Amino acid sequence: MAVVERSGQHKCHKIPGASFEFLAEDPALDIHMVTMEPGVDGTTAQHEGKEALYILEGQLDVHVEGNTYHLSNGDSLIYHSMNPHRWTNPGASPARILGVAVPKSYLARTLGL
């Protein structure tokens, strides 16, 4: 089975300082674009699965299990999301992140997407 999601039909969700655009999803995974405003320090999360991130623009600090990974344009990171993790944008401009979550992201499931 193939899943096609057309431009302009993506589900979006905004929280203070960040927006999430779900680009493609099925029960096993989702692909999402995150825009995180400068200076935003996200909340710590912990849930099943793995996450993969690719930084399209800006900077992102990803805090995972006591380690901080400083990422910028073109960098990527994969981590087990069962470990406590948090994102921070230390830069002066928005960060744009392409993410893949397996299984479907905790946020998408919480929102009923």
C-alpha atoms as a PDB file:
ATOM      1  CA  MET A   1       0.000   0.000   0.000  1.00  0.00           C
ATOM      2  CA  ALA A   2       1.246   3.493  -0.842  1.00  0.00           C
ATOM      3  CA  VAL A   3       0.409   6.646   1.104  1.00  0.00           C
ATOM      4  CA  VAL A   4       0.276   9.943  -0.794  1.00  0.00           C
ATOM      5  CA  GLU A   5      -0.341  13.237   0.965  1.00  0.00           C
ATOM      6  CA  ARG A   6      -0.590  16.242  -1.308  1.00  0.00           C
ATOM      7  CA  SER A   7       0.844  19.665  -0.626  1.00  0.00           C
ATOM      8  CA  GLY A   8      -1.735  21.889   1.027  1.00  0.00           C
ATOM      9  CA  GLN A   9      -3.513  18.917   2.636  1.00  0.00           C
ATOM     10  CA  HIS A  10      -1.073  18.328   5.495  1.00  0.00           C
ATOM     11  CA  LYS A  11      -2.350  18.413   9.059  1.00  0.00           C
ATOM     12  CA  CYS A  12      -0.764  21.145  11.156  1.00  0.00           C
ATOM     13  CA  HIS A  13      -0.532  21.783  14.872  1.00  0.00           C
ATOM     14  CA  LYS A  14       0.896  24.809  16.676  1.00  0.00           C
ATOM     15  CA  ILE A  15       2.127  25.121  20.221  1.00  0.00           C
ATOM     16  CA  PRO A  16       3.782  28.210  21.732  1.00  0.00           C
ATOM     17  CA  GLY A  17       7.086  28.682  19.889  1.00  0.00           C
ATOM     18  CA  ALA A  18       6.747  25.794  17.440  1.00  0.00           C
ATOM     19  CA  SER A  19       4.620  24.429  14.622  1.00  0.00           C
ATOM     20  CA  PHE A  20       4.315  20.866  13.365  1.00  0.00           C
ATOM     21  CA  GLU A  21       3.266  19.931   9.839  1.00  0.00           C
ATOM     22  CA  PHE A  22       2.568  16.222   9.375  1.00  0.00           C
ATOM     23  CA  LEU A  23       3.764  15.487   5.828  1.00  0.00           C
ATOM     24  CA  ALA A  24       2.933  11.780   5.599  1.00  0.00           C
ATOM     25  CA  GLU A  25       1.719   9.269   8.127  1.00  0.00           C
ATOM     26  CA  ASP A  26       0.430   5.796   8.678  1.00  0.00           C
ATOM     27  CA  PRO A  27       0.117   3.710  11.849  1.00  0.00           C
ATOM     28  CA  ALA A  28       3.777   2.630  11.661  1.00  0.00           C
ATOM     29  CA  LEU A  29       5.486   6.020  11.209  1.00  0.00           C
ATOM     30  CA  ASP A  30       5.117   9.664  10.381  1.00  0.00           C
ATOM     31  CA  ILE A  31       7.195  12.258   8.594  1.00  0.00           C
ATOM     32  CA  HIS A  32       6.853  15.778   9.940  1.00  0.00           C
ATOM     33  CA  MET A  33       8.305  19.263   9.499  1.00  0.00           C
ATOM     34  CA  VAL A  34       8.898  21.271  12.654  1.00  0.00           C
ATOM     35  CA  THR A  35       9.583  25.001  12.790  1.00  0.00           C
ATOM     36  CA  MET A  36      10.940  26.054  16.171  1.00  0.00           C
ATOM     37  CA  GLU A  37      11.297  29.727  17.026  1.00  0.00           C
ATOM     38  CA  PRO A  38      14.584  31.138  18.395  1.00  0.00           C
ATOM     39  CA  GLY A  39      15.123  30.726  22.117  1.00  0.00           C
ATOM     40  CA  VAL A  40      12.427  28.082  22.564  1.00  0.00           C
ATOM     41  CA  ASP A  41      13.233  25.420  25.137  1.00  0.00           C
ATOM     42  CA  GLY A  42      10.855  22.495  24.710  1.00  0.00           C
ATOM     43  CA  THR A  43       9.511  20.220  27.390  1.00  0.00           C
ATOM     44  CA  THR A  44      11.080  16.872  28.181  1.00  0.00           C
ATOM     45  CA  ALA A  45       9.345  13.910  26.532  1.00  0.00           C
ATOM     46  CA  GLN A  46       9.694  10.164  26.873  1.00  0.00           C
ATOM     47  CA  HIS A  47       7.722   7.658  24.796  1.00  0.00           C
ATOM     48  CA  GLU A  48       8.109   4.467  22.793  1.00  0.00           C
ATOM     49  CA  GLY A  49      10.000   4.281  19.517  1.00  0.00           C
ATOM     50  CA  LYS A  50      12.775   6.072  17.678  1.00  0.00           C
ATOM     51  CA  GLU A  51      13.071   9.527  16.153  1.00  0.00           C
ATOM     52  CA  ALA A  52      15.286  10.663  13.300  1.00  0.00           C
ATOM     53  CA  LEU A  53      15.936  14.373  12.739  1.00  0.00           C
ATOM     54  CA  TYR A  54      17.486  16.261   9.822  1.00  0.00           C
ATOM     55  CA  ILE A  55      18.211  19.968  10.254  1.00  0.00           C
ATOM     56  CA  LEU A  56      17.132  21.936   7.169  1.00  0.00           C
ATOM     57  CA  GLU A  57      17.789  25.424   8.583  1.00  0.00           C
ATOM     58  CA  GLY A  58      19.024  26.956  11.795  1.00  0.00           C
ATOM     59  CA  GLN A  59      20.326  25.318  14.945  1.00  0.00           C
ATOM     60  CA  LEU A  60      18.918  22.770  17.343  1.00  0.00           C
ATOM     61  CA  ASP A  61      20.218  21.381  20.607  1.00  0.00           C
ATOM     62  CA  VAL A  62      18.805  17.940  21.337  1.00  0.00           C
ATOM     63  CA  HIS A  63      19.147  16.783  24.930  1.00  0.00           C
ATOM     64  CA  VAL A  64      18.965  12.989  25.234  1.00  0.00           C
ATOM     65  CA  GLU A  65      19.644  11.053  28.413  1.00  0.00           C
ATOM     66  CA  GLY A  66      22.014  13.658  29.868  1.00  0.00           C
ATOM     67  CA  ASN A  67      23.867  14.372  26.590  1.00  0.00           C
ATOM     68  CA  THR A  68      23.457  17.485  24.439  1.00  0.00           C
ATOM     69  CA  TYR A  69      23.851  17.223  20.670  1.00  0.00           C
ATOM     70  CA  HIS A  70      24.440  20.580  18.918  1.00  0.00           C
ATOM     71  CA  LEU A  71      23.005  20.335  15.392  1.00  0.00           C
ATOM     72  CA  SER A  72      22.950  22.782  12.474  1.00  0.00           C
ATOM     73  CA  ASN A  73      22.162  22.798   8.731  1.00  0.00           C
ATOM     74  CA  GLY A  74      22.688  19.358   7.215  1.00  0.00           C
ATOM     75  CA  ASP A  75      23.211  17.516  10.515  1.00  0.00           C
ATOM     76  CA  SER A  76      21.123  14.506  11.490  1.00  0.00           C
ATOM     77  CA  LEU A  77      20.466  12.509  14.650  1.00  0.00           C
ATOM     78  CA  ILE A  78      18.673   9.258  15.491  1.00  0.00           C
ATOM     79  CA  TYR A  79      17.743   8.389  19.072  1.00  0.00           C
ATOM     80  CA  HIS A  80      15.528   6.077  21.078  1.00  0.00           C
ATOM     81  CA  SER A  81      12.616   8.202  22.278  1.00  0.00           C
ATOM     82  CA  MET A  82      12.158   5.979  25.364  1.00  0.00           C
ATOM     83  CA  ASN A  83      15.094   7.993  26.702  1.00  0.00           C
ATOM     84  CA  PRO A  84      14.118  11.391  28.140  1.00  0.00           C
ATOM     85  CA  HIS A  85      14.669  13.987  25.385  1.00  0.00           C
ATOM     86  CA  ARG A  86      14.148  17.711  24.801  1.00  0.00           C
ATOM     87  CA  TRP A  87      14.762  20.149  21.942  1.00  0.00           C
ATOM     88  CA  THR A  88      16.082  23.708  22.283  1.00  0.00           C
ATOM     89  CA  ASN A  89      16.676  26.326  19.595  1.00  0.00           C
ATOM     90  CA  PRO A  90      19.765  28.265  20.748  1.00  0.00           C
ATOM     91  CA  GLY A  91      19.980  30.281  17.520  1.00  0.00           C
ATOM     92  CA  ALA A  92      18.816  33.736  16.504  1.00  0.00           C
ATOM     93  CA  SER A  93      16.594  32.431  13.693  1.00  0.00           C
ATOM     94  CA  PRO A  94      13.900  29.744  13.407  1.00  0.00           C
ATOM     95  CA  ALA A  95      15.058  26.139  13.084  1.00  0.00           C
ATOM     96  CA  ARG A  96      13.400  23.914  10.480  1.00  0.00           C
ATOM     97  CA  ILE A  97      13.615  20.215  11.188  1.00  0.00           C
ATOM     98  CA  LEU A  98      12.512  17.246   9.114  1.00  0.00           C
ATOM     99  CA  GLY A  99      11.616  14.418  11.455  1.00  0.00           C
ATOM    100  CA  VAL A 100      10.623  10.777  11.152  1.00  0.00           C
ATOM    101  CA  ALA A 101       9.040   8.955  14.085  1.00  0.00           C
ATOM    102  CA  VAL A 102       8.624   5.187  14.394  1.00  0.00           C
ATOM    103  CA  PRO A 103       6.007   4.257  15.403  1.00  0.00           C
ATOM    104  CA  LYS A 104       3.760   7.199  14.635  1.00  0.00           C
ATOM    105  CA  SER A 105       4.862  10.131  16.785  1.00  0.00           C
ATOM    106  CA  TYR A 106       3.585  10.610  20.285  1.00  0.00           C
ATOM    107  CA  LEU A 107       2.299  14.096  19.319  1.00  0.00           C
ATOM    108  CA  ALA A 108       0.376  12.782  16.301  1.00  0.00           C
ATOM    109  CA  ARG A 109      -1.228  10.033  18.378  1.00  0.00           C
ATOM    110  CA  THR A 110      -2.068  12.459  21.207  1.00  0.00           C
ATOM    111  CA  LEU A 111      -3.748  14.798  18.690  1.00  0.00           C
ATOM    112  CA  GLY A 112      -5.644  11.916  17.119  1.00  0.00           C
ATOM    113  CA  LEU A 113      -3.983  12.448  13.734  1.00  0.00           C
END
